[in-house]
Amino acid sequence: MVETGGTRRVLRVAVLISGRGSNLQALIDRFVGQADSPVEIVRVISNRPDAQGLERAKAAGLATRVIDHKGFADRAAFDEALDAELRAAGAQLVALAGSCAF
C-alpha cells in the first residue's frame, strides 16, 4: 500500500508462474480477501497451460492467462505479448513466483 497525502493506494501486482504455484499460494494467503490488503493480484500468468498454479489462482478468484512461449516465432514476440498482457492488467509490479521459465 502506498500512502500519499493521506490517500491509500493499493499496489497492482501480476504474478508469473510456471509450476505448482506454492509461492503463489503464499501470496494468495497473505493478500487475497483481506479488506485492508496493500496488494491486489490483478493477473496470474503462466507460460505453461498445465501449470498447477493456475488452478490455485482460479480457486482464489484471480484472473489467469496462459502465454505459451512455444507459440511465438521468437523471444521478442513472446516478450511483446507478455508486456501487452501486463499493461492490459494494469500491473504496477511483476512478481516472479518460483522458477519461472519466462
N, C-alpha and C. Protein backbone atom coordinates (compact mmCIF):
# COMPACT_ATOMS: atom_id res chain seq x y z
N MET A 1 0.84 -1.15 0.00
CA MET A 1 0.00 0.00 0.00
C MET A 1 0.89 1.22 0.00
N VAL A 2 0.52 2.18 -0.80
CA VAL A 2 1.26 3.43 -0.86
C VAL A 2 0.34 4.53 -0.36
N GLU A 3 0.83 5.31 0.57
CA GLU A 3 0.03 6.41 1.07
C GLU A 3 0.66 7.72 0.61
N THR A 4 -0.14 8.53 -0.04
CA THR A 4 0.32 9.84 -0.49
C THR A 4 -0.70 10.87 -0.05
N GLY A 5 -0.28 11.76 0.79
CA GLY A 5 -1.19 12.81 1.25
C GLY A 5 -2.43 12.26 1.93
N GLY A 6 -2.29 11.16 2.66
CA GLY A 6 -3.43 10.59 3.36
C GLY A 6 -4.30 9.69 2.50
N THR A 7 -3.97 9.54 1.22
CA THR A 7 -4.74 8.69 0.32
C THR A 7 -4.10 7.31 0.25
N ARG A 8 -4.90 6.29 0.47
CA ARG A 8 -4.41 4.91 0.43
C ARG A 8 -4.54 4.37 -0.99
N ARG A 9 -3.43 3.86 -1.51
CA ARG A 9 -3.44 3.24 -2.83
C ARG A 9 -2.96 1.81 -2.71
N VAL A 10 -3.58 0.94 -3.48
CA VAL A 10 -3.22 -0.47 -3.47
C VAL A 10 -2.29 -0.74 -4.64
N LEU A 11 -1.23 -1.52 -4.40
CA LEU A 11 -0.27 -1.88 -5.42
C LEU A 11 -0.84 -3.03 -6.26
N ARG A 12 -0.91 -2.81 -7.57
CA ARG A 12 -1.46 -3.80 -8.50
C ARG A 12 -0.33 -4.71 -8.99
N VAL A 13 -0.42 -6.01 -8.65
CA VAL A 13 0.66 -6.95 -8.91
C VAL A 13 0.21 -8.06 -9.86
N ALA A 14 1.06 -8.36 -10.83
CA ALA A 14 0.89 -9.55 -11.67
C ALA A 14 1.91 -10.57 -11.20
N VAL A 15 1.50 -11.83 -11.19
CA VAL A 15 2.38 -12.90 -10.72
C VAL A 15 2.64 -13.86 -11.88
N LEU A 16 3.92 -14.11 -12.16
CA LEU A 16 4.31 -15.05 -13.21
C LEU A 16 4.66 -16.39 -12.56
N ILE A 17 4.05 -17.45 -13.08
CA ILE A 17 4.29 -18.79 -12.55
C ILE A 17 4.58 -19.75 -13.70
N SER A 18 5.13 -20.92 -13.34
CA SER A 18 5.32 -21.94 -14.37
C SER A 18 5.09 -23.35 -13.83
N GLY A 19 4.76 -23.47 -12.56
CA GLY A 19 4.64 -24.81 -11.99
C GLY A 19 3.52 -24.96 -10.99
N ARG A 20 3.86 -25.56 -9.85
CA ARG A 20 2.86 -25.91 -8.84
C ARG A 20 2.15 -24.72 -8.21
N GLY A 21 2.81 -23.60 -8.11
CA GLY A 21 2.17 -22.42 -7.54
C GLY A 21 2.24 -22.32 -6.04
N SER A 22 3.22 -22.98 -5.42
CA SER A 22 3.32 -22.91 -3.95
C SER A 22 3.69 -21.50 -3.49
N ASN A 23 4.55 -20.83 -4.22
CA ASN A 23 4.87 -19.44 -3.86
C ASN A 23 3.68 -18.53 -4.12
N LEU A 24 2.95 -18.79 -5.19
CA LEU A 24 1.73 -18.05 -5.46
C LEU A 24 0.75 -18.23 -4.30
N GLN A 25 0.64 -19.45 -3.78
CA GLN A 25 -0.29 -19.71 -2.68
C GLN A 25 0.05 -18.86 -1.46
N ALA A 26 1.34 -18.68 -1.21
CA ALA A 26 1.75 -17.83 -0.08
C ALA A 26 1.27 -16.39 -0.31
N LEU A 27 1.34 -15.90 -1.53
CA LEU A 27 0.84 -14.55 -1.84
C LEU A 27 -0.68 -14.49 -1.70
N ILE A 28 -1.36 -15.51 -2.16
CA ILE A 28 -2.81 -15.57 -2.03
C ILE A 28 -3.20 -15.55 -0.56
N ASP A 29 -2.54 -16.39 0.24
CA ASP A 29 -2.87 -16.47 1.66
C ASP A 29 -2.65 -15.13 2.36
N ARG A 30 -1.65 -14.40 1.95
CA ARG A 30 -1.32 -13.14 2.61
C ARG A 30 -2.19 -11.97 2.14
N PHE A 31 -2.52 -11.93 0.84
CA PHE A 31 -3.12 -10.71 0.30
C PHE A 31 -4.55 -10.82 -0.21
N VAL A 32 -5.00 -11.99 -0.63
CA VAL A 32 -6.32 -12.11 -1.24
C VAL A 32 -7.38 -12.22 -0.14
N GLY A 33 -8.45 -11.44 -0.28
CA GLY A 33 -9.55 -11.49 0.66
C GLY A 33 -9.36 -10.65 1.91
N GLN A 34 -8.29 -9.90 1.97
CA GLN A 34 -8.02 -9.02 3.11
C GLN A 34 -8.56 -7.63 2.79
N ALA A 35 -9.44 -7.13 3.59
CA ALA A 35 -10.07 -5.84 3.33
C ALA A 35 -9.06 -4.70 3.24
N ASP A 36 -8.02 -4.77 4.02
CA ASP A 36 -7.04 -3.69 4.03
C ASP A 36 -5.72 -4.09 3.37
N SER A 37 -5.78 -5.04 2.45
CA SER A 37 -4.57 -5.53 1.80
C SER A 37 -3.88 -4.40 1.02
N PRO A 38 -2.56 -4.33 1.13
CA PRO A 38 -1.82 -3.33 0.37
C PRO A 38 -1.57 -3.76 -1.07
N VAL A 39 -1.98 -5.00 -1.40
CA VAL A 39 -1.70 -5.58 -2.71
C VAL A 39 -2.98 -6.15 -3.31
N GLU A 40 -3.13 -5.92 -4.61
CA GLU A 40 -4.19 -6.57 -5.38
C GLU A 40 -3.49 -7.38 -6.47
N ILE A 41 -3.72 -8.68 -6.47
CA ILE A 41 -3.17 -9.52 -7.54
C ILE A 41 -4.11 -9.40 -8.73
N VAL A 42 -3.65 -8.71 -9.77
CA VAL A 42 -4.52 -8.40 -10.90
C VAL A 42 -4.46 -9.44 -12.01
N ARG A 43 -3.43 -10.28 -12.01
CA ARG A 43 -3.33 -11.32 -13.03
C ARG A 43 -2.28 -12.34 -12.61
N VAL A 44 -2.57 -13.59 -12.90
CA VAL A 44 -1.59 -14.67 -12.75
C VAL A 44 -1.34 -15.20 -14.16
N ILE A 45 -0.09 -15.17 -14.57
CA ILE A 45 0.27 -15.54 -15.93
C ILE A 45 1.25 -16.70 -15.89
N SER A 46 0.98 -17.70 -16.73
CA SER A 46 1.89 -18.83 -16.85
C SER A 46 2.27 -19.03 -18.31
N ASN A 47 3.48 -19.51 -18.51
CA ASN A 47 3.90 -19.87 -19.86
C ASN A 47 3.59 -21.34 -20.16
N ARG A 48 3.01 -22.04 -19.18
CA ARG A 48 2.66 -23.44 -19.34
C ARG A 48 1.17 -23.64 -19.06
N PRO A 49 0.43 -24.13 -20.04
CA PRO A 49 -1.01 -24.31 -19.83
C PRO A 49 -1.34 -25.35 -18.77
N ASP A 50 -0.41 -26.25 -18.45
CA ASP A 50 -0.67 -27.29 -17.46
C ASP A 50 -0.14 -26.94 -16.07
N ALA A 51 0.27 -25.71 -15.85
CA ALA A 51 0.80 -25.30 -14.55
C ALA A 51 -0.29 -25.43 -13.48
N GLN A 52 0.00 -26.17 -12.44
CA GLN A 52 -0.97 -26.38 -11.36
C GLN A 52 -1.32 -25.07 -10.65
N GLY A 53 -0.41 -24.13 -10.68
CA GLY A 53 -0.66 -22.84 -10.04
C GLY A 53 -1.85 -22.11 -10.63
N LEU A 54 -2.17 -22.38 -11.88
CA LEU A 54 -3.34 -21.74 -12.50
C LEU A 54 -4.62 -22.15 -11.78
N GLU A 55 -4.68 -23.41 -11.35
CA GLU A 55 -5.86 -23.88 -10.61
C GLU A 55 -5.93 -23.22 -9.24
N ARG A 56 -4.79 -23.02 -8.59
CA ARG A 56 -4.77 -22.30 -7.31
C ARG A 56 -5.31 -20.88 -7.50
N ALA A 57 -4.86 -20.24 -8.56
CA ALA A 57 -5.30 -18.87 -8.83
C ALA A 57 -6.80 -18.82 -9.08
N LYS A 58 -7.28 -19.72 -9.92
CA LYS A 58 -8.71 -19.74 -10.23
C LYS A 58 -9.54 -20.00 -8.98
N ALA A 59 -9.07 -20.92 -8.12
CA ALA A 59 -9.79 -21.23 -6.87
C ALA A 59 -9.87 -20.01 -5.96
N ALA A 60 -8.90 -19.12 -6.08
CA ALA A 60 -8.89 -17.90 -5.27
C ALA A 60 -9.63 -16.75 -5.95
N GLY A 61 -10.19 -17.02 -7.13
CA GLY A 61 -10.94 -16.00 -7.85
C GLY A 61 -10.07 -15.00 -8.61
N LEU A 62 -8.84 -15.39 -8.90
CA LEU A 62 -7.92 -14.49 -9.60
C LEU A 62 -7.99 -14.70 -11.11
N ALA A 63 -7.80 -13.63 -11.85
CA ALA A 63 -7.76 -13.71 -13.30
C ALA A 63 -6.46 -14.37 -13.74
N THR A 64 -6.57 -15.30 -14.68
CA THR A 64 -5.40 -16.02 -15.17
C THR A 64 -5.27 -15.86 -16.68
N ARG A 65 -4.05 -16.12 -17.12
CA ARG A 65 -3.78 -16.08 -18.56
C ARG A 65 -2.60 -16.99 -18.83
N VAL A 66 -2.68 -17.73 -19.93
CA VAL A 66 -1.56 -18.54 -20.38
C VAL A 66 -0.99 -17.88 -21.62
N ILE A 67 0.30 -17.63 -21.59
CA ILE A 67 1.02 -17.12 -22.76
C ILE A 67 2.15 -18.12 -23.00
N ASP A 68 1.86 -19.10 -23.83
CA ASP A 68 2.79 -20.20 -24.08
C ASP A 68 3.90 -19.73 -25.01
N HIS A 69 5.11 -19.74 -24.50
CA HIS A 69 6.25 -19.26 -25.27
C HIS A 69 6.49 -20.06 -26.54
N LYS A 70 5.97 -21.27 -26.60
CA LYS A 70 6.16 -22.12 -27.79
C LYS A 70 5.34 -21.62 -28.98
N GLY A 71 4.37 -20.76 -28.71
CA GLY A 71 3.51 -20.28 -29.78
C GLY A 71 3.99 -19.03 -30.48
N PHE A 72 5.23 -18.65 -30.23
CA PHE A 72 5.76 -17.42 -30.81
C PHE A 72 6.99 -17.70 -31.66
N ALA A 73 7.15 -16.91 -32.69
CA ALA A 73 8.26 -17.11 -33.63
C ALA A 73 9.62 -16.89 -32.98
N ASP A 74 9.67 -15.96 -32.01
CA ASP A 74 10.94 -15.67 -31.35
C ASP A 74 10.69 -15.05 -29.98
N ARG A 75 11.75 -14.86 -29.24
CA ARG A 75 11.64 -14.33 -27.88
C ARG A 75 11.05 -12.93 -27.87
N ALA A 76 11.40 -12.12 -28.85
CA ALA A 76 10.89 -10.75 -28.90
C ALA A 76 9.37 -10.74 -29.02
N ALA A 77 8.82 -11.61 -29.82
CA ALA A 77 7.36 -11.67 -30.00
C ALA A 77 6.68 -12.12 -28.70
N PHE A 78 7.29 -13.09 -28.03
CA PHE A 78 6.76 -13.54 -26.75
C PHE A 78 6.80 -12.41 -25.72
N ASP A 79 7.94 -11.73 -25.64
CA ASP A 79 8.08 -10.62 -24.69
C ASP A 79 7.06 -9.53 -24.96
N GLU A 80 6.78 -9.25 -26.23
CA GLU A 80 5.78 -8.23 -26.58
C GLU A 80 4.39 -8.65 -26.10
N ALA A 81 4.05 -9.92 -26.29
CA ALA A 81 2.74 -10.42 -25.85
C ALA A 81 2.63 -10.36 -24.33
N LEU A 82 3.69 -10.73 -23.63
CA LEU A 82 3.69 -10.68 -22.18
C LEU A 82 3.55 -9.24 -21.70
N ASP A 83 4.30 -8.34 -22.30
CA ASP A 83 4.23 -6.93 -21.95
C ASP A 83 2.82 -6.37 -22.17
N ALA A 84 2.21 -6.74 -23.29
CA ALA A 84 0.85 -6.26 -23.59
C ALA A 84 -0.14 -6.75 -22.54
N GLU A 85 -0.01 -8.00 -22.10
CA GLU A 85 -0.92 -8.54 -21.08
C GLU A 85 -0.71 -7.85 -19.74
N LEU A 86 0.54 -7.60 -19.37
CA LEU A 86 0.82 -6.90 -18.11
C LEU A 86 0.24 -5.49 -18.13
N ARG A 87 0.39 -4.82 -19.24
CA ARG A 87 -0.17 -3.47 -19.36
C ARG A 87 -1.69 -3.49 -19.33
N ALA A 88 -2.30 -4.44 -20.03
CA ALA A 88 -3.75 -4.55 -20.06
C ALA A 88 -4.31 -4.81 -18.66
N ALA A 89 -3.56 -5.54 -17.85
CA ALA A 89 -3.99 -5.84 -16.48
C ALA A 89 -3.76 -4.66 -15.54
N GLY A 90 -3.00 -3.68 -16.00
CA GLY A 90 -2.70 -2.52 -15.15
C GLY A 90 -1.70 -2.83 -14.06
N ALA A 91 -0.84 -3.82 -14.31
CA ALA A 91 0.15 -4.22 -13.31
C ALA A 91 1.17 -3.11 -13.09
N GLN A 92 1.44 -2.86 -11.81
CA GLN A 92 2.46 -1.90 -11.43
C GLN A 92 3.74 -2.60 -11.02
N LEU A 93 3.62 -3.88 -10.67
CA LEU A 93 4.75 -4.67 -10.21
C LEU A 93 4.55 -6.10 -10.70
N VAL A 94 5.65 -6.75 -11.07
CA VAL A 94 5.60 -8.14 -11.51
C VAL A 94 6.35 -8.98 -10.49
N ALA A 95 5.69 -10.01 -9.97
CA ALA A 95 6.32 -10.93 -9.02
C ALA A 95 6.61 -12.25 -9.75
N LEU A 96 7.86 -12.68 -9.67
CA LEU A 96 8.24 -13.97 -10.24
C LEU A 96 8.12 -15.00 -9.11
N ALA A 97 7.11 -15.84 -9.19
CA ALA A 97 6.83 -16.77 -8.10
C ALA A 97 7.32 -18.16 -8.46
N GLY A 98 8.54 -18.46 -8.07
CA GLY A 98 9.09 -19.77 -8.34
C GLY A 98 10.14 -19.73 -9.42
N SER A 99 10.34 -20.86 -10.04
CA SER A 99 11.39 -20.98 -11.07
C SER A 99 10.78 -20.77 -12.44
N CYS A 100 10.32 -19.57 -12.69
CA CYS A 100 9.67 -19.24 -13.95
C CYS A 100 10.65 -19.38 -15.12
N ALA A 101 10.16 -19.98 -16.17
CA ALA A 101 10.97 -20.14 -17.36
C ALA A 101 10.66 -19.05 -18.37
N PHE A 102 10.22 -17.91 -17.89
CA PHE A 102 9.83 -16.82 -18.79
C PHE A 102 11.02 -16.23 -19.46
